[in-house]
Amino acid sequence: MSALAAIDIGTNSVRLLVTDSAGNELERLMRMTRLGQGVDVTGELAPEAIARTVAVLSEYAARLRVHGATRVRAVATSAARDAQNGEDFFDAAQRALGVRPELLSGDAEAHCSFFGATLGLAHTDAPFLVIDLGGGSTEFVLGSERPEAAISLQMGCVRMSERHLRSDPATSAEIAACEADVRRELSRVREVIDVSKARTVIGLAGTVTALSAMALGLARYDATRTHHSRLSAASVTTLAARLARASLVERRGMLVEPARAEVIVGGAVVLAITMSELGLSELLVSEHDILDGLAASLR
């Protein structure tokens, strides 16, 4: 049975999913490379960020050869969309991977995230509101069997952290500025999506799963525990405040993935304000996301 592979090159991390042609998972990997380092300010991908990301893509290319993957779909999202030197990265990525990544629009990213997040969920739980909180952008998608309304906002854990949270720990003024920025972005959501229609709200990506792991008290990351766990608005608000008070060193000790410590406060603020502003009392946490949607598109 031939293997299929999906690669998501995000602002904060690069992830790989390999499945067989029936959709059974063979391998799932994640490496944090911060491709979007500084892009919000400079408008360009930093050479060292490109180098870190290309090194991981070379590692993934070796895994594809091990699995004998016959079809590969690689995509790049927010950081690559924003960067003036994106083609330099795509050229280097193609040399490392053997496949040229697609530049995924915010709308296409939202649709792939929706299909991945809702795989296997009961139709009776629909309509679904999927919130994909990434490094540079956050996608909101409402739908039942397929997306019916979607919007991509320029806010994410890396973007908000680099834009506002410069102290260690962040000052109250920095947190307030971050919250205000998130509120401004969120004002666009209700123009496109009727949030009240959602029966199930699904949260995706690293910030959400990291907060779920904290809420569950996990000492080691365990996707089988975080997947389809529930994360309340009250818990997110408490965790966001706790993380915001901590120094970078302290946050590393609080997280099961210490590499997230630099951007987790920005992500936690985005999620806390999102749930508050949109009146969301609880999230269903999902480990299935854009990768699963991409992999499904190859079958």
C-alpha atoms as a PDB file:
ATOM      1  CA  MET A   1       0.000   0.000   0.000  1.00  0.00           C
ATOM      2  CA  SER A   2       1.531   3.327  -1.074  1.00  0.00           C
ATOM      3  CA  ALA A   3       2.221   6.126   1.400  1.00  0.00           C
ATOM      4  CA  LEU A   4       0.965   9.705   1.171  1.00  0.00           C
ATOM      5  CA  ALA A   5       2.505  12.707   2.922  1.00  0.00           C
ATOM      6  CA  ALA A   6       1.363  16.180   3.937  1.00  0.00           C
ATOM      7  CA  ILE A   7       3.694  18.927   5.175  1.00  0.00           C
ATOM      8  CA  ASP A   8       2.524  22.152   6.790  1.00  0.00           C
ATOM      9  CA  ILE A   9       5.152  24.922   6.880  1.00  0.00           C
ATOM     10  CA  GLY A  10       3.761  27.372   9.393  1.00  0.00           C
ATOM     11  CA  THR A  11       4.972  30.552  11.034  1.00  0.00           C
ATOM     12  CA  ASN A  12       6.120  28.743  14.191  1.00  0.00           C
ATOM     13  CA  SER A  13       6.445  25.074  13.273  1.00  0.00           C
ATOM     14  CA  VAL A  14       6.893  22.622  10.414  1.00  0.00           C
ATOM     15  CA  ARG A  15       4.821  19.458  10.611  1.00  0.00           C
ATOM     16  CA  LEU A  16       4.693  16.181   8.714  1.00  0.00           C
ATOM     17  CA  LEU A  17       1.937  13.589   8.430  1.00  0.00           C
ATOM     18  CA  VAL A  18       2.458  10.322   6.556  1.00  0.00           C
ATOM     19  CA  THR A  19      -0.507   7.998   5.963  1.00  0.00           C
ATOM     20  CA  ASP A  20      -1.245   4.955   3.866  1.00  0.00           C
ATOM     21  CA  SER A  21      -3.719   5.283   0.997  1.00  0.00           C
ATOM     22  CA  ALA A  22      -6.573   4.313   3.325  1.00  0.00           C
ATOM     23  CA  GLY A  23      -5.801   7.210   5.651  1.00  0.00           C
ATOM     24  CA  ASN A  24      -4.147   5.249   8.458  1.00  0.00           C
ATOM     25  CA  GLU A  25      -1.453   7.312  10.182  1.00  0.00           C
ATOM     26  CA  LEU A  26       2.102   6.021   9.739  1.00  0.00           C
ATOM     27  CA  GLU A  27       4.063   8.933  11.209  1.00  0.00           C
ATOM     28  CA  ARG A  28       3.427  12.440  12.544  1.00  0.00           C
ATOM     29  CA  LEU A  29       6.262  14.839  13.348  1.00  0.00           C
ATOM     30  CA  MET A  30       6.561  18.455  14.468  1.00  0.00           C
ATOM     31  CA  ARG A  31       9.605  20.732  14.660  1.00  0.00           C
ATOM     32  CA  MET A  32       9.564  24.366  15.782  1.00  0.00           C
ATOM     33  CA  THR A  33      11.612  26.526  13.419  1.00  0.00           C
ATOM     34  CA  ARG A  34      10.035  30.011  13.768  1.00  0.00           C
ATOM     35  CA  LEU A  35      10.038  30.668  10.021  1.00  0.00           C
ATOM     36  CA  GLY A  36       8.076  33.832  10.767  1.00  0.00           C
ATOM     37  CA  GLN A  37      10.767  35.290  13.017  1.00  0.00           C
ATOM     38  CA  GLY A  38      10.594  39.082  12.617  1.00  0.00           C
ATOM     39  CA  VAL A  39       8.503  39.006   9.430  1.00  0.00           C
ATOM     40  CA  ASP A  40       5.769  41.180  10.962  1.00  0.00           C
ATOM     41  CA  VAL A  41       8.329  44.002  11.336  1.00  0.00           C
ATOM     42  CA  THR A  42      10.709  43.492   8.407  1.00  0.00           C
ATOM     43  CA  GLY A  43       8.362  42.009   5.813  1.00  0.00           C
ATOM     44  CA  GLU A  44      11.020  39.400   5.022  1.00  0.00           C
ATOM     45  CA  LEU A  45      11.946  35.909   6.145  1.00  0.00           C
ATOM     46  CA  ALA A  46      15.188  36.001   8.135  1.00  0.00           C
ATOM     47  CA  PRO A  47      18.080  33.982   6.598  1.00  0.00           C
ATOM     48  CA  GLU A  48      18.562  32.033   9.828  1.00  0.00           C
ATOM     49  CA  ALA A  49      14.824  31.203   9.963  1.00  0.00           C
ATOM     50  CA  ILE A  50      14.935  29.946   6.380  1.00  0.00           C
ATOM     51  CA  ALA A  51      17.996  27.843   7.221  1.00  0.00           C
ATOM     52  CA  ARG A  52      16.310  26.266  10.273  1.00  0.00           C
ATOM     53  CA  THR A  53      13.208  25.444   8.258  1.00  0.00           C
ATOM     54  CA  VAL A  54      15.072  24.038   5.268  1.00  0.00           C
ATOM     55  CA  ALA A  55      17.090  21.791   7.605  1.00  0.00           C
ATOM     56  CA  VAL A  56      13.852  20.303   8.922  1.00  0.00           C
ATOM     57  CA  LEU A  57      12.506  19.846   5.397  1.00  0.00           C
ATOM     58  CA  SER A  58      15.672  17.894   4.562  1.00  0.00           C
ATOM     59  CA  GLU A  59      14.983  15.695   7.593  1.00  0.00           C
ATOM     60  CA  TYR A  60      11.413  15.178   6.404  1.00  0.00           C
ATOM     61  CA  ALA A  61      12.598  14.309   2.889  1.00  0.00           C
ATOM     62  CA  ALA A  62      14.569  11.434   4.419  1.00  0.00           C
ATOM     63  CA  ARG A  63      11.433  10.212   6.211  1.00  0.00           C
ATOM     64  CA  LEU A  64       9.479  10.337   2.940  1.00  0.00           C
ATOM     65  CA  ARG A  65      12.098   8.089   1.335  1.00  0.00           C
ATOM     66  CA  VAL A  66      11.864   5.643   4.247  1.00  0.00           C
ATOM     67  CA  HIS A  67       8.103   5.406   3.828  1.00  0.00           C
ATOM     68  CA  GLY A  68       8.273   5.377   0.036  1.00  0.00           C
ATOM     69  CA  ALA A  69       5.760   8.196  -0.194  1.00  0.00           C
ATOM     70  CA  THR A  70       4.390   8.395  -3.730  1.00  0.00           C
ATOM     71  CA  ARG A  71       2.321  11.555  -3.324  1.00  0.00           C
ATOM     72  CA  VAL A  72       3.396  14.584  -1.314  1.00  0.00           C
ATOM     73  CA  ARG A  73       1.592  17.851  -0.688  1.00  0.00           C
ATOM     74  CA  ALA A  74       3.534  20.597   1.069  1.00  0.00           C
ATOM     75  CA  VAL A  75       2.056  23.996   1.870  1.00  0.00           C
ATOM     76  CA  ALA A  76       3.326  27.223   3.416  1.00  0.00           C
ATOM     77  CA  THR A  77       1.007  29.599   5.225  1.00  0.00           C
ATOM     78  CA  SER A  78       1.047  32.957   7.015  1.00  0.00           C
ATOM     79  CA  ALA A  79       4.761  33.827   7.236  1.00  0.00           C
ATOM     80  CA  ALA A  80       5.378  32.919   3.599  1.00  0.00           C
ATOM     81  CA  ARG A  81       2.273  34.878   2.529  1.00  0.00           C
ATOM     82  CA  ASP A  82       3.600  38.018   4.232  1.00  0.00           C
ATOM     83  CA  ALA A  83       7.235  37.809   3.129  1.00  0.00           C
ATOM     84  CA  GLN A  84       8.662  39.788   0.216  1.00  0.00           C
ATOM     85  CA  ASN A  85      11.435  37.204  -0.204  1.00  0.00           C
ATOM     86  CA  GLY A  86       9.119  34.198  -0.158  1.00  0.00           C
ATOM     87  CA  GLU A  87      10.413  32.882  -3.492  1.00  0.00           C
ATOM     88  CA  ASP A  88      13.913  32.555  -2.025  1.00  0.00           C
ATOM     89  CA  PHE A  89      12.460  30.272   0.622  1.00  0.00           C
ATOM     90  CA  PHE A  90      10.398  28.254  -1.866  1.00  0.00           C
ATOM     91  CA  ASP A  91      13.467  27.672  -4.034  1.00  0.00           C
ATOM     92  CA  ALA A  92      15.471  26.407  -1.038  1.00  0.00           C
ATOM     93  CA  ALA A  93      12.534  24.330   0.211  1.00  0.00           C
ATOM     94  CA  GLN A  94      12.132  22.653  -3.166  1.00  0.00           C
ATOM     95  CA  ARG A  95      15.824  21.727  -3.256  1.00  0.00           C
ATOM     96  CA  ALA A  96      15.582  20.189   0.221  1.00  0.00           C
ATOM     97  CA  LEU A  97      12.255  18.434  -0.161  1.00  0.00           C
ATOM     98  CA  GLY A  98      12.111  17.563  -3.853  1.00  0.00           C
ATOM     99  CA  VAL A  99       8.631  19.116  -4.059  1.00  0.00           C
ATOM    100  CA  ARG A 100       7.855  22.831  -4.314  1.00  0.00           C
ATOM    101  CA  PRO A 101       5.518  23.912  -1.504  1.00  0.00           C
ATOM    102  CA  GLU A 102       2.255  25.623  -2.388  1.00  0.00           C
ATOM    103  CA  LEU A 103       1.565  29.086  -1.008  1.00  0.00           C
ATOM    104  CA  LEU A 104      -1.778  28.535   0.690  1.00  0.00           C
ATOM    105  CA  SER A 105      -4.158  31.475   0.924  1.00  0.00           C
ATOM    106  CA  GLY A 106      -5.851  32.246   4.235  1.00  0.00           C
ATOM    107  CA  ASP A 107      -9.163  31.013   2.804  1.00  0.00           C
ATOM    108  CA  ALA A 108      -7.657  27.753   1.535  1.00  0.00           C
ATOM    109  CA  GLU A 109      -5.909  27.256   4.885  1.00  0.00           C
ATOM    110  CA  ALA A 110      -9.238  27.701   6.674  1.00  0.00           C
ATOM    111  CA  HIS A 111     -10.939  25.127   4.455  1.00  0.00           C
ATOM    112  CA  CYS A 112      -8.192  22.510   4.923  1.00  0.00           C
ATOM    113  CA  SER A 113      -8.257  23.063   8.698  1.00  0.00           C
ATOM    114  CA  PHE A 114     -12.027  22.588   8.748  1.00  0.00           C
ATOM    115  CA  PHE A 115     -11.923  19.262   6.915  1.00  0.00           C
ATOM    116  CA  GLY A 116      -9.082  17.983   9.096  1.00  0.00           C
ATOM    117  CA  ALA A 117     -10.669  19.062  12.374  1.00  0.00           C
ATOM    118  CA  THR A 118     -14.095  17.601  11.648  1.00  0.00           C
ATOM    119  CA  LEU A 119     -12.935  14.201  10.374  1.00  0.00           C
ATOM    120  CA  GLY A 120     -14.708  11.494  12.348  1.00  0.00           C
ATOM    121  CA  LEU A 121     -17.007  13.828  14.293  1.00  0.00           C
ATOM    122  CA  ALA A 122     -20.720  13.045  14.444  1.00  0.00           C
ATOM    123  CA  HIS A 123     -23.022  14.985  12.151  1.00  0.00           C
ATOM    124  CA  THR A 124     -25.232  15.594  15.167  1.00  0.00           C
ATOM    125  CA  ASP A 125     -22.470  17.778  16.636  1.00  0.00           C
ATOM    126  CA  ALA A 126     -22.678  20.168  13.665  1.00  0.00           C
ATOM    127  CA  PRO A 127     -22.620  23.018  12.821  1.00  0.00           C
ATOM    128  CA  PHE A 128     -18.950  23.339  13.741  1.00  0.00           C
ATOM    129  CA  LEU A 129     -16.936  26.492  14.374  1.00  0.00           C
ATOM    130  CA  VAL A 130     -13.261  25.692  13.813  1.00  0.00           C
ATOM    131  CA  ILE A 131     -10.647  28.065  15.251  1.00  0.00           C
ATOM    132  CA  ASP A 132      -7.126  27.418  13.957  1.00  0.00           C
ATOM    133  CA  LEU A 133      -4.785  29.578  16.058  1.00  0.00           C
ATOM    134  CA  GLY A 134      -1.465  29.614  14.245  1.00  0.00           C
ATOM    135  CA  GLY A 135       1.772  31.531  14.515  1.00  0.00           C
ATOM    136  CA  GLY A 136       0.951  34.388  12.163  1.00  0.00           C
ATOM    137  CA  SER A 137      -2.768  34.066  11.500  1.00  0.00           C
ATOM    138  CA  THR A 138      -5.931  32.624  12.997  1.00  0.00           C
ATOM    139  CA  GLU A 139      -8.639  31.083  10.834  1.00  0.00           C
ATOM    140  CA  PHE A 140     -12.323  30.862  11.750  1.00  0.00           C
ATOM    141  CA  VAL A 141     -14.560  28.498   9.766  1.00  0.00           C
ATOM    142  CA  LEU A 142     -18.238  27.686  10.247  1.00  0.00           C
ATOM    143  CA  GLY A 143     -19.946  24.772   8.561  1.00  0.00           C
ATOM    144  CA  SER A 144     -21.510  21.341   8.808  1.00  0.00           C
ATOM    145  CA  GLU A 145     -20.428  18.951   6.055  1.00  0.00           C
ATOM    146  CA  ARG A 146     -18.371  21.682   4.378  1.00  0.00           C
ATOM    147  CA  PRO A 147     -17.278  25.241   5.148  1.00  0.00           C
ATOM    148  CA  GLU A 148     -20.060  27.781   4.789  1.00  0.00           C
ATOM    149  CA  ALA A 149     -18.281  30.920   6.049  1.00  0.00           C
ATOM    150  CA  ALA A 150     -14.618  31.585   6.772  1.00  0.00           C
ATOM    151  CA  ILE A 151     -12.194  34.368   7.613  1.00  0.00           C
ATOM    152  CA  SER A 152      -8.439  34.530   8.221  1.00  0.00           C
ATOM    153  CA  LEU A 153      -7.169  37.179  10.660  1.00  0.00           C
ATOM    154  CA  GLN A 154      -3.648  38.581  10.988  1.00  0.00           C
ATOM    155  CA  MET A 155      -3.138  37.479  14.571  1.00  0.00           C
ATOM    156  CA  GLY A 156      -1.267  34.507  15.970  1.00  0.00           C
ATOM    157  CA  CYS A 157       1.079  33.509  18.768  1.00  0.00           C
ATOM    158  CA  VAL A 158       4.274  34.649  17.016  1.00  0.00           C
ATOM    159  CA  ARG A 159       2.844  37.829  15.499  1.00  0.00           C
ATOM    160  CA  MET A 160       1.245  39.035  18.750  1.00  0.00           C
ATOM    161  CA  SER A 161       4.291  38.109  20.855  1.00  0.00           C
ATOM    162  CA  GLU A 162       6.757  39.916  18.598  1.00  0.00           C
ATOM    163  CA  ARG A 163       4.478  42.906  18.118  1.00  0.00           C
ATOM    164  CA  HIS A 164       3.605  43.555  21.762  1.00  0.00           C
ATOM    165  CA  LEU A 165       5.290  41.332  24.374  1.00  0.00           C
ATOM    166  CA  ARG A 166       8.883  42.535  24.550  1.00  0.00           C
ATOM    167  CA  SER A 167       9.524  42.410  28.319  1.00  0.00           C
ATOM    168  CA  ASP A 168      10.271  39.344  30.401  1.00  0.00           C
ATOM    169  CA  PRO A 169       7.721  38.841  31.792  1.00  0.00           C
ATOM    170  CA  ALA A 170       5.409  41.072  29.749  1.00  0.00           C
ATOM    171  CA  THR A 171       4.233  44.254  31.447  1.00  0.00           C
ATOM    172  CA  SER A 172       0.557  44.931  32.092  1.00  0.00           C
ATOM    173  CA  ALA A 173       0.679  47.677  29.438  1.00  0.00           C
ATOM    174  CA  GLU A 174       2.073  45.206  26.881  1.00  0.00           C
ATOM    175  CA  ILE A 175      -0.620  42.662  27.696  1.00  0.00           C
ATOM    176  CA  ALA A 176      -3.289  45.361  27.407  1.00  0.00           C
ATOM    177  CA  ALA A 177      -1.948  46.453  24.006  1.00  0.00           C
ATOM    178  CA  CYS A 178      -1.966  42.824  22.823  1.00  0.00           C
ATOM    179  CA  GLU A 179      -5.542  42.348  24.024  1.00  0.00           C
ATOM    180  CA  ALA A 180      -6.674  45.533  22.274  1.00  0.00           C
ATOM    181  CA  ASP A 181      -5.025  44.401  19.022  1.00  0.00           C
ATOM    182  CA  VAL A 182      -6.786  41.045  19.227  1.00  0.00           C
ATOM    183  CA  ARG A 183     -10.132  42.742  19.868  1.00  0.00           C
ATOM    184  CA  ARG A 184      -9.659  44.946  16.807  1.00  0.00           C
ATOM    185  CA  GLU A 185      -9.004  41.911  14.627  1.00  0.00           C
ATOM    186  CA  LEU A 186     -11.923  39.971  16.104  1.00  0.00           C
ATOM    187  CA  SER A 187     -14.364  42.738  15.223  1.00  0.00           C
ATOM    188  CA  ARG A 188     -14.230  41.397  11.655  1.00  0.00           C
ATOM    189  CA  VAL A 189     -15.376  37.884  12.596  1.00  0.00           C
ATOM    190  CA  ARG A 190     -19.039  38.710  13.257  1.00  0.00           C
ATOM    191  CA  GLU A 191     -19.225  40.503   9.899  1.00  0.00           C
ATOM    192  CA  VAL A 192     -18.645  37.144   8.183  1.00  0.00           C
ATOM    193  CA  ILE A 193     -19.649  34.412  10.646  1.00  0.00           C
ATOM    194  CA  ASP A 194     -22.754  33.966  12.801  1.00  0.00           C
ATOM    195  CA  VAL A 195     -20.994  32.377  15.771  1.00  0.00           C
ATOM    196  CA  SER A 196     -24.318  31.613  17.493  1.00  0.00           C
ATOM    197  CA  LYS A 197     -25.048  28.933  14.875  1.00  0.00           C
ATOM    198  CA  ALA A 198     -22.180  26.722  16.097  1.00  0.00           C
ATOM    199  CA  ARG A 199     -23.153  23.685  18.150  1.00  0.00           C
ATOM    200  CA  THR A 200     -19.518  22.576  18.590  1.00  0.00           C
ATOM    201  CA  VAL A 201     -16.479  24.876  18.749  1.00  0.00           C
ATOM    202  CA  ILE A 202     -13.178  23.182  17.854  1.00  0.00           C
ATOM    203  CA  GLY A 203      -9.772  24.627  18.737  1.00  0.00           C
ATOM    204  CA  LEU A 204      -6.642  23.679  16.782  1.00  0.00           C
ATOM    205  CA  ALA A 205      -2.867  24.084  16.768  1.00  0.00           C
ATOM    206  CA  GLY A 206      -0.018  24.416  19.238  1.00  0.00           C
ATOM    207  CA  THR A 207      -1.326  27.102  21.579  1.00  0.00           C
ATOM    208  CA  VAL A 208      -4.585  25.224  22.085  1.00  0.00           C
ATOM    209  CA  THR A 209      -2.975  21.830  22.636  1.00  0.00           C
ATOM    210  CA  ALA A 210      -0.308  23.338  24.938  1.00  0.00           C
ATOM    211  CA  LEU A 211      -2.996  24.933  27.120  1.00  0.00           C
ATOM    212  CA  SER A 212      -4.928  21.671  27.120  1.00  0.00           C
ATOM    213  CA  ALA A 213      -1.817  19.818  28.315  1.00  0.00           C
ATOM    214  CA  MET A 214      -1.416  22.378  31.118  1.00  0.00           C
ATOM    215  CA  ALA A 215      -5.073  22.084  32.109  1.00  0.00           C
ATOM    216  CA  LEU A 216      -4.752  18.287  32.198  1.00  0.00           C
ATOM    217  CA  GLY A 217      -1.583  18.497  34.290  1.00  0.00           C
ATOM    218  CA  LEU A 218       0.458  16.430  31.830  1.00  0.00           C
ATOM    219  CA  ALA A 219       4.138  15.927  32.627  1.00  0.00           C
ATOM    220  CA  ARG A 220       4.815  14.699  29.074  1.00  0.00           C
ATOM    221  CA  TYR A 221       3.025  15.530  25.859  1.00  0.00           C
ATOM    222  CA  ASP A 222       0.374  12.931  25.068  1.00  0.00           C
ATOM    223  CA  ALA A 223      -1.790  13.620  22.021  1.00  0.00           C
ATOM    224  CA  THR A 224      -4.159  10.814  22.995  1.00  0.00           C
ATOM    225  CA  ARG A 225      -4.994  12.830  26.140  1.00  0.00           C
ATOM    226  CA  THR A 226      -5.263  16.264  24.560  1.00  0.00           C
ATOM    227  CA  HIS A 227      -7.223  15.112  21.490  1.00  0.00           C
ATOM    228  CA  HIS A 228     -10.926  15.790  22.056  1.00  0.00           C
ATOM    229  CA  SER A 229     -10.315  17.092  25.552  1.00  0.00           C
ATOM    230  CA  ARG A 230     -12.422  20.064  26.661  1.00  0.00           C
ATOM    231  CA  LEU A 231     -10.960  23.476  27.429  1.00  0.00           C
ATOM    232  CA  SER A 232     -13.184  26.003  29.190  1.00  0.00           C
ATOM    233  CA  ALA A 233     -12.986  29.773  28.784  1.00  0.00           C
ATOM    234  CA  ALA A 234     -12.402  30.114  32.521  1.00  0.00           C
ATOM    235  CA  SER A 235      -9.454  27.712  32.352  1.00  0.00           C
ATOM    236  CA  VAL A 236      -7.935  29.535  29.362  1.00  0.00           C
ATOM    237  CA  THR A 237      -8.221  32.890  31.145  1.00  0.00           C
ATOM    238  CA  THR A 238      -6.556  31.464  34.270  1.00  0.00           C
ATOM    239  CA  LEU A 239      -3.749  29.816  32.319  1.00  0.00           C
ATOM    240  CA  ALA A 240      -3.141  32.924  30.209  1.00  0.00           C
ATOM    241  CA  ALA A 241      -2.774  35.057  33.358  1.00  0.00           C
ATOM    242  CA  ARG A 242      -0.467  32.497  34.976  1.00  0.00           C
ATOM    243  CA  LEU A 243       1.760  32.322  31.897  1.00  0.00           C
ATOM    244  CA  ALA A 244       1.828  36.107  31.535  1.00  0.00           C
ATOM    245  CA  ARG A 245       3.160  36.514  35.080  1.00  0.00           C
ATOM    246  CA  ALA A 246       5.976  34.018  34.507  1.00  0.00           C
ATOM    247  CA  SER A 247       9.430  34.684  33.089  1.00  0.00           C
ATOM    248  CA  LEU A 248      10.666  32.885  29.978  1.00  0.00           C
ATOM    249  CA  VAL A 249      12.666  30.436  32.122  1.00  0.00           C
ATOM    250  CA  GLU A 250       9.649  29.760  34.318  1.00  0.00           C
ATOM    251  CA  ARG A 251       7.392  29.224  31.304  1.00  0.00           C
ATOM    252  CA  ARG A 252       9.806  26.650  29.925  1.00  0.00           C
ATOM    253  CA  GLY A 253       9.340  24.691  33.124  1.00  0.00           C
ATOM    254  CA  MET A 254       5.561  24.999  32.921  1.00  0.00           C
ATOM    255  CA  LEU A 255       5.173  23.631  29.388  1.00  0.00           C
ATOM    256  CA  VAL A 256       5.509  20.053  28.157  1.00  0.00           C
ATOM    257  CA  GLU A 257       6.941  21.596  24.963  1.00  0.00           C
ATOM    258  CA  PRO A 258       9.433  24.151  26.349  1.00  0.00           C
ATOM    259  CA  ALA A 259      10.177  25.523  22.866  1.00  0.00           C
ATOM    260  CA  ARG A 260       6.743  27.157  22.905  1.00  0.00           C
ATOM    261  CA  ALA A 261       7.664  29.333  25.892  1.00  0.00           C
ATOM    262  CA  GLU A 262       8.681  32.349  23.796  1.00  0.00           C
ATOM    263  CA  VAL A 263       5.285  32.682  22.093  1.00  0.00           C
ATOM    264  CA  ILE A 264       2.786  30.948  24.380  1.00  0.00           C
ATOM    265  CA  VAL A 265       1.710  34.153  26.159  1.00  0.00           C
ATOM    266  CA  GLY A 266       0.780  35.809  22.874  1.00  0.00           C
ATOM    267  CA  GLY A 267      -1.147  32.706  21.839  1.00  0.00           C
ATOM    268  CA  ALA A 268      -2.885  32.380  25.198  1.00  0.00           C
ATOM    269  CA  VAL A 269      -3.981  36.032  25.052  1.00  0.00           C
ATOM    270  CA  VAL A 270      -5.385  35.506  21.549  1.00  0.00           C
ATOM    271  CA  LEU A 271      -7.376  32.467  22.689  1.00  0.00           C
ATOM    272  CA  ALA A 272      -8.615  34.013  25.946  1.00  0.00           C
ATOM    273  CA  ILE A 273      -9.812  37.211  24.266  1.00  0.00           C
ATOM    274  CA  THR A 274     -11.326  35.252  21.369  1.00  0.00           C
ATOM    275  CA  MET A 275     -13.405  33.090  23.693  1.00  0.00           C
ATOM    276  CA  SER A 276     -14.469  36.112  25.748  1.00  0.00           C
ATOM    277  CA  GLU A 277     -15.358  38.375  22.814  1.00  0.00           C
ATOM    278  CA  LEU A 278     -17.225  35.670  20.883  1.00  0.00           C
ATOM    279  CA  GLY A 279     -19.020  34.322  23.962  1.00  0.00           C
ATOM    280  CA  LEU A 280     -17.503  30.836  23.721  1.00  0.00           C
ATOM    281  CA  SER A 281     -17.697  28.916  26.979  1.00  0.00           C
ATOM    282  CA  GLU A 282     -15.780  25.809  25.870  1.00  0.00           C
ATOM    283  CA  LEU A 283     -13.586  24.375  23.126  1.00  0.00           C
ATOM    284  CA  LEU A 284     -13.243  20.829  21.879  1.00  0.00           C
ATOM    285  CA  VAL A 285      -9.470  20.447  21.458  1.00  0.00           C
ATOM    286  CA  SER A 286      -8.397  18.646  18.292  1.00  0.00           C
ATOM    287  CA  GLU A 287      -5.065  17.171  17.290  1.00  0.00           C
ATOM    288  CA  HIS A 288      -6.487  16.747  13.779  1.00  0.00           C
ATOM    289  CA  ASP A 289      -6.040  19.874  11.709  1.00  0.00           C
ATOM    290  CA  ILE A 290      -4.783  21.233   8.399  1.00  0.00           C
ATOM    291  CA  LEU A 291      -2.354  18.306   8.038  1.00  0.00           C
ATOM    292  CA  ASP A 292      -5.196  15.809   8.126  1.00  0.00           C
ATOM    293  CA  GLY A 293      -7.156  17.899   5.632  1.00  0.00           C
ATOM    294  CA  LEU A 294      -4.156  18.023   3.302  1.00  0.00           C
ATOM    295  CA  ALA A 295      -3.565  14.282   3.600  1.00  0.00           C
ATOM    296  CA  ALA A 296      -7.232  13.586   2.854  1.00  0.00           C
ATOM    297  CA  SER A 297      -6.970  15.703  -0.316  1.00  0.00           C
ATOM    298  CA  LEU A 298      -4.358  13.245  -1.672  1.00  0.00           C
ATOM    299  CA  ARG A 299      -6.542  10.170  -1.357  1.00  0.00           C
END
